[in-house]
Amino acid sequence: AGLGMLSGGVDFSPDEVEAVEIATGTAQLSPLAQKENYGFGSFGILSTIPDLTNELMLYLESYYSPSHREREEYDAEIASFIAFRCLEEYVDPSDIAAAMLS
């Protein structure tokens, strides 16, 4: 029975129903709304993707040859990895796989 039936047939507005659900703890939130969502996962919460990309490129400099780092794709590879790390808490692995295949 809905709230209207419990109250003797009075219809409540959606905002009133939502307020009651929130007050009673019966509100159903989407999986994303249930998380602390600051836009990115904790990996990138305090910085931007370009800043993190530059930091990782500096860190990886000793691991890759100059010719490898000078490739046109290198910046995009590192930025893609950073974007993946920032979003991995919010994106389903099957969605990531589908995006990588397209």
N, C-alpha and C. Protein backbone atom coordinates (compact mmCIF):
# COMPACT_ATOMS: atom_id res chain seq x y z
N ALA A 1 0.85 -1.18 0.00
CA ALA A 1 0.00 0.00 0.00
C ALA A 1 0.88 1.23 0.00
N GLY A 2 0.54 2.18 -0.84
CA GLY A 2 1.29 3.42 -0.91
C GLY A 2 0.94 4.36 0.22
N LEU A 3 1.62 5.49 0.31
CA LEU A 3 1.36 6.45 1.37
C LEU A 3 -0.05 7.00 1.30
N GLY A 4 -0.61 7.13 0.10
CA GLY A 4 -1.98 7.63 -0.04
C GLY A 4 -2.98 6.71 0.64
N MET A 5 -2.77 5.40 0.53
CA MET A 5 -3.68 4.44 1.15
C MET A 5 -3.54 4.45 2.66
N LEU A 6 -2.34 4.63 3.16
CA LEU A 6 -2.12 4.63 4.60
C LEU A 6 -2.67 5.88 5.26
N SER A 7 -2.82 6.95 4.52
CA SER A 7 -3.26 8.21 5.10
C SER A 7 -4.73 8.48 4.85
N GLY A 8 -5.51 7.47 4.56
CA GLY A 8 -6.92 7.67 4.33
C GLY A 8 -7.22 8.19 2.94
N GLY A 9 -6.36 7.94 1.98
CA GLY A 9 -6.62 8.34 0.61
C GLY A 9 -6.05 9.69 0.22
N VAL A 10 -5.31 10.36 1.08
CA VAL A 10 -4.72 11.65 0.75
C VAL A 10 -3.50 11.40 -0.11
N ASP A 11 -3.39 12.10 -1.21
CA ASP A 11 -2.24 11.96 -2.08
C ASP A 11 -1.14 12.93 -1.65
N PHE A 12 0.07 12.42 -1.59
CA PHE A 12 1.22 13.25 -1.27
C PHE A 12 1.97 13.58 -2.55
N SER A 13 2.60 14.74 -2.58
CA SER A 13 3.42 15.10 -3.73
C SER A 13 4.69 14.26 -3.71
N PRO A 14 5.36 14.11 -4.85
CA PRO A 14 6.62 13.34 -4.87
C PRO A 14 7.65 13.90 -3.89
N ASP A 15 7.69 15.23 -3.73
CA ASP A 15 8.64 15.82 -2.79
C ASP A 15 8.32 15.42 -1.35
N GLU A 16 7.03 15.35 -1.02
CA GLU A 16 6.63 14.94 0.33
C GLU A 16 6.96 13.47 0.57
N VAL A 17 6.73 12.64 -0.44
CA VAL A 17 7.06 11.22 -0.33
C VAL A 17 8.56 11.05 -0.13
N GLU A 18 9.36 11.78 -0.92
CA GLU A 18 10.81 11.70 -0.80
C GLU A 18 11.26 12.15 0.58
N ALA A 19 10.66 13.20 1.12
CA ALA A 19 11.03 13.69 2.45
C ALA A 19 10.72 12.63 3.52
N VAL A 20 9.61 11.95 3.40
CA VAL A 20 9.26 10.89 4.35
C VAL A 20 10.22 9.72 4.22
N GLU A 21 10.55 9.34 2.98
CA GLU A 21 11.49 8.23 2.78
C GLU A 21 12.86 8.55 3.36
N ILE A 22 13.30 9.78 3.17
CA ILE A 22 14.60 10.18 3.70
C ILE A 22 14.55 10.19 5.23
N ALA A 23 13.49 10.75 5.79
CA ALA A 23 13.35 10.84 7.25
C ALA A 23 13.26 9.46 7.89
N THR A 24 12.63 8.52 7.23
CA THR A 24 12.45 7.18 7.81
C THR A 24 13.56 6.22 7.41
N GLY A 25 14.44 6.64 6.53
CA GLY A 25 15.53 5.78 6.09
C GLY A 25 15.13 4.74 5.08
N THR A 26 13.99 4.93 4.41
CA THR A 26 13.53 3.95 3.43
C THR A 26 13.79 4.39 1.99
N ALA A 27 14.49 5.51 1.82
CA ALA A 27 14.77 6.01 0.48
C ALA A 27 15.70 5.04 -0.24
N GLN A 28 15.42 4.78 -1.52
CA GLN A 28 16.25 3.91 -2.33
C GLN A 28 17.12 4.78 -3.22
N LEU A 29 18.41 4.73 -3.01
CA LEU A 29 19.35 5.50 -3.80
C LEU A 29 19.98 4.63 -4.87
N SER A 30 20.35 5.24 -5.97
CA SER A 30 21.07 4.50 -7.00
C SER A 30 22.44 4.11 -6.44
N PRO A 31 23.08 3.10 -7.02
CA PRO A 31 24.41 2.70 -6.52
C PRO A 31 25.40 3.86 -6.54
N LEU A 32 25.32 4.72 -7.56
CA LEU A 32 26.24 5.85 -7.63
C LEU A 32 25.94 6.87 -6.54
N ALA A 33 24.64 7.12 -6.28
CA ALA A 33 24.26 8.09 -5.25
C ALA A 33 24.62 7.59 -3.86
N GLN A 34 24.76 6.28 -3.68
CA GLN A 34 25.12 5.73 -2.38
C GLN A 34 26.59 5.95 -2.05
N LYS A 35 27.40 6.23 -3.05
CA LYS A 35 28.83 6.42 -2.83
C LYS A 35 29.12 7.90 -2.55
N GLU A 36 30.22 8.14 -1.87
CA GLU A 36 30.68 9.51 -1.72
C GLU A 36 31.27 9.90 -3.07
N ASN A 37 30.55 10.69 -3.81
CA ASN A 37 30.95 11.00 -5.17
C ASN A 37 31.42 12.44 -5.26
N TYR A 38 32.71 12.61 -5.38
CA TYR A 38 33.28 13.93 -5.56
C TYR A 38 33.67 14.17 -7.02
N GLY A 39 33.16 13.35 -7.89
CA GLY A 39 33.47 13.48 -9.31
C GLY A 39 34.47 12.45 -9.78
N PHE A 40 35.41 12.08 -8.93
CA PHE A 40 36.40 11.07 -9.28
C PHE A 40 36.59 10.15 -8.09
N GLY A 41 37.21 9.04 -8.34
CA GLY A 41 37.55 8.16 -7.24
C GLY A 41 38.63 8.80 -6.39
N SER A 42 38.99 8.15 -5.31
CA SER A 42 39.96 8.74 -4.39
C SER A 42 41.33 8.95 -5.03
N PHE A 43 41.62 8.22 -6.09
CA PHE A 43 42.91 8.38 -6.76
C PHE A 43 43.09 9.80 -7.28
N GLY A 44 42.05 10.41 -7.83
CA GLY A 44 42.18 11.73 -8.44
C GLY A 44 41.41 12.82 -7.75
N ILE A 45 41.06 12.62 -6.51
CA ILE A 45 40.16 13.56 -5.84
C ILE A 45 40.79 14.93 -5.61
N LEU A 46 42.07 15.00 -5.40
CA LEU A 46 42.69 16.27 -5.05
C LEU A 46 43.51 16.89 -6.17
N SER A 47 43.39 16.38 -7.36
CA SER A 47 44.18 16.89 -8.46
C SER A 47 43.43 16.72 -9.76
N THR A 48 44.00 17.25 -10.83
CA THR A 48 43.38 17.13 -12.15
C THR A 48 44.07 16.03 -12.95
N ILE A 49 43.39 15.55 -13.96
CA ILE A 49 43.98 14.51 -14.81
C ILE A 49 45.27 15.00 -15.47
N PRO A 50 45.31 16.23 -16.04
CA PRO A 50 46.58 16.69 -16.62
C PRO A 50 47.72 16.77 -15.59
N ASP A 51 47.42 17.23 -14.36
CA ASP A 51 48.46 17.30 -13.34
C ASP A 51 48.96 15.92 -12.95
N LEU A 52 48.03 14.99 -12.78
CA LEU A 52 48.42 13.62 -12.44
C LEU A 52 49.19 12.97 -13.58
N THR A 53 48.80 13.27 -14.81
CA THR A 53 49.51 12.74 -15.98
C THR A 53 50.95 13.22 -15.98
N ASN A 54 51.14 14.50 -15.76
CA ASN A 54 52.51 15.05 -15.73
C ASN A 54 53.33 14.44 -14.60
N GLU A 55 52.73 14.26 -13.44
CA GLU A 55 53.44 13.64 -12.32
C GLU A 55 53.85 12.21 -12.64
N LEU A 56 52.94 11.45 -13.23
CA LEU A 56 53.26 10.06 -13.56
C LEU A 56 54.33 9.99 -14.65
N MET A 57 54.27 10.90 -15.61
CA MET A 57 55.29 10.92 -16.66
C MET A 57 56.66 11.20 -16.06
N LEU A 58 56.74 12.09 -15.08
CA LEU A 58 58.03 12.34 -14.42
C LEU A 58 58.49 11.11 -13.65
N TYR A 59 57.57 10.44 -12.98
CA TYR A 59 57.91 9.25 -12.22
C TYR A 59 58.40 8.13 -13.14
N LEU A 60 57.75 7.96 -14.29
CA LEU A 60 58.10 6.87 -15.21
C LEU A 60 59.30 7.17 -16.10
N GLU A 61 59.79 8.39 -16.05
CA GLU A 61 60.87 8.80 -16.95
C GLU A 61 62.07 7.85 -16.90
N SER A 62 62.42 7.40 -15.71
CA SER A 62 63.61 6.53 -15.60
C SER A 62 63.33 5.10 -16.09
N TYR A 63 62.08 4.77 -16.31
CA TYR A 63 61.73 3.41 -16.74
C TYR A 63 61.59 3.27 -18.25
N TYR A 64 61.44 4.38 -18.96
CA TYR A 64 61.24 4.33 -20.40
C TYR A 64 62.32 5.13 -21.11
N SER A 65 62.73 4.64 -22.26
CA SER A 65 63.77 5.31 -23.04
C SER A 65 63.23 6.63 -23.60
N PRO A 66 64.14 7.55 -23.91
CA PRO A 66 63.70 8.82 -24.52
C PRO A 66 62.91 8.60 -25.81
N SER A 67 63.32 7.63 -26.61
CA SER A 67 62.60 7.39 -27.87
C SER A 67 61.17 6.90 -27.61
N HIS A 68 60.98 6.12 -26.55
CA HIS A 68 59.63 5.64 -26.21
C HIS A 68 58.78 6.81 -25.70
N ARG A 69 59.36 7.65 -24.86
CA ARG A 69 58.62 8.79 -24.30
C ARG A 69 58.31 9.85 -25.35
N GLU A 70 59.07 9.92 -26.40
CA GLU A 70 58.85 10.93 -27.44
C GLU A 70 57.79 10.53 -28.45
N ARG A 71 57.31 9.29 -28.38
CA ARG A 71 56.27 8.85 -29.30
C ARG A 71 55.02 9.71 -29.12
N GLU A 72 54.29 9.90 -30.18
CA GLU A 72 53.08 10.71 -30.15
C GLU A 72 52.03 10.12 -29.20
N GLU A 73 51.98 8.79 -29.10
CA GLU A 73 50.96 8.12 -28.30
C GLU A 73 51.26 8.13 -26.80
N TYR A 74 52.50 8.42 -26.42
CA TYR A 74 52.90 8.28 -25.02
C TYR A 74 52.04 9.13 -24.08
N ASP A 75 51.85 10.40 -24.39
CA ASP A 75 51.03 11.27 -23.53
C ASP A 75 49.62 10.73 -23.38
N ALA A 76 49.03 10.28 -24.49
CA ALA A 76 47.66 9.75 -24.45
C ALA A 76 47.60 8.46 -23.64
N GLU A 77 48.62 7.62 -23.75
CA GLU A 77 48.64 6.38 -22.97
C GLU A 77 48.64 6.67 -21.47
N ILE A 78 49.47 7.61 -21.07
CA ILE A 78 49.56 7.95 -19.65
C ILE A 78 48.27 8.62 -19.18
N ALA A 79 47.73 9.54 -19.95
CA ALA A 79 46.48 10.23 -19.59
C ALA A 79 45.32 9.24 -19.50
N SER A 80 45.28 8.27 -20.41
CA SER A 80 44.23 7.25 -20.38
C SER A 80 44.33 6.41 -19.11
N PHE A 81 45.55 6.06 -18.73
CA PHE A 81 45.74 5.29 -17.51
C PHE A 81 45.26 6.08 -16.29
N ILE A 82 45.59 7.36 -16.26
CA ILE A 82 45.17 8.22 -15.14
C ILE A 82 43.64 8.33 -15.11
N ALA A 83 43.02 8.53 -16.25
CA ALA A 83 41.55 8.63 -16.30
C ALA A 83 40.92 7.33 -15.82
N PHE A 84 41.47 6.21 -16.23
CA PHE A 84 40.98 4.91 -15.78
C PHE A 84 41.07 4.80 -14.26
N ARG A 85 42.21 5.16 -13.70
CA ARG A 85 42.40 5.06 -12.24
C ARG A 85 41.42 5.98 -11.49
N CYS A 86 41.14 7.16 -12.06
CA CYS A 86 40.22 8.09 -11.41
C CYS A 86 38.79 7.58 -11.40
N LEU A 87 38.42 6.84 -12.41
CA LEU A 87 37.03 6.40 -12.55
C LEU A 87 36.78 4.96 -12.14
N GLU A 88 37.82 4.21 -11.83
CA GLU A 88 37.65 2.78 -11.60
C GLU A 88 36.72 2.44 -10.44
N GLU A 89 36.54 3.34 -9.48
CA GLU A 89 35.62 3.06 -8.38
C GLU A 89 34.16 3.17 -8.79
N TYR A 90 33.89 3.87 -9.88
CA TYR A 90 32.52 4.16 -10.28
C TYR A 90 32.05 3.42 -11.52
N VAL A 91 32.96 2.86 -12.27
CA VAL A 91 32.60 2.24 -13.54
C VAL A 91 32.69 0.73 -13.41
N ASP A 92 31.69 0.06 -13.89
CA ASP A 92 31.65 -1.40 -13.88
C ASP A 92 32.75 -1.93 -14.82
N PRO A 93 33.48 -2.96 -14.42
CA PRO A 93 34.55 -3.50 -15.28
C PRO A 93 34.08 -3.89 -16.68
N SER A 94 32.85 -4.38 -16.80
CA SER A 94 32.36 -4.75 -18.14
C SER A 94 32.16 -3.51 -19.01
N ASP A 95 31.80 -2.37 -18.40
CA ASP A 95 31.69 -1.13 -19.15
C ASP A 95 33.05 -0.65 -19.63
N ILE A 96 34.06 -0.82 -18.79
CA ILE A 96 35.42 -0.43 -19.17
C ILE A 96 35.89 -1.29 -20.34
N ALA A 97 35.63 -2.60 -20.26
CA ALA A 97 36.04 -3.50 -21.33
C ALA A 97 35.34 -3.13 -22.63
N ALA A 98 34.05 -2.83 -22.56
CA ALA A 98 33.30 -2.46 -23.77
C ALA A 98 33.84 -1.16 -24.35
N ALA A 99 34.18 -0.20 -23.50
CA ALA A 99 34.70 1.07 -23.99
C ALA A 99 36.07 0.89 -24.65
N MET A 100 36.88 -0.01 -24.11
CA MET A 100 38.20 -0.23 -24.67
C MET A 100 38.13 -0.94 -26.02
N LEU A 101 37.08 -1.72 -26.23
CA LEU A 101 36.93 -2.44 -27.49
C LEU A 101 36.32 -1.58 -28.60
N SER A 102 35.70 -0.46 -28.21
CA SER A 102 35.05 0.37 -29.24
C SER A 102 35.98 1.43 -29.77
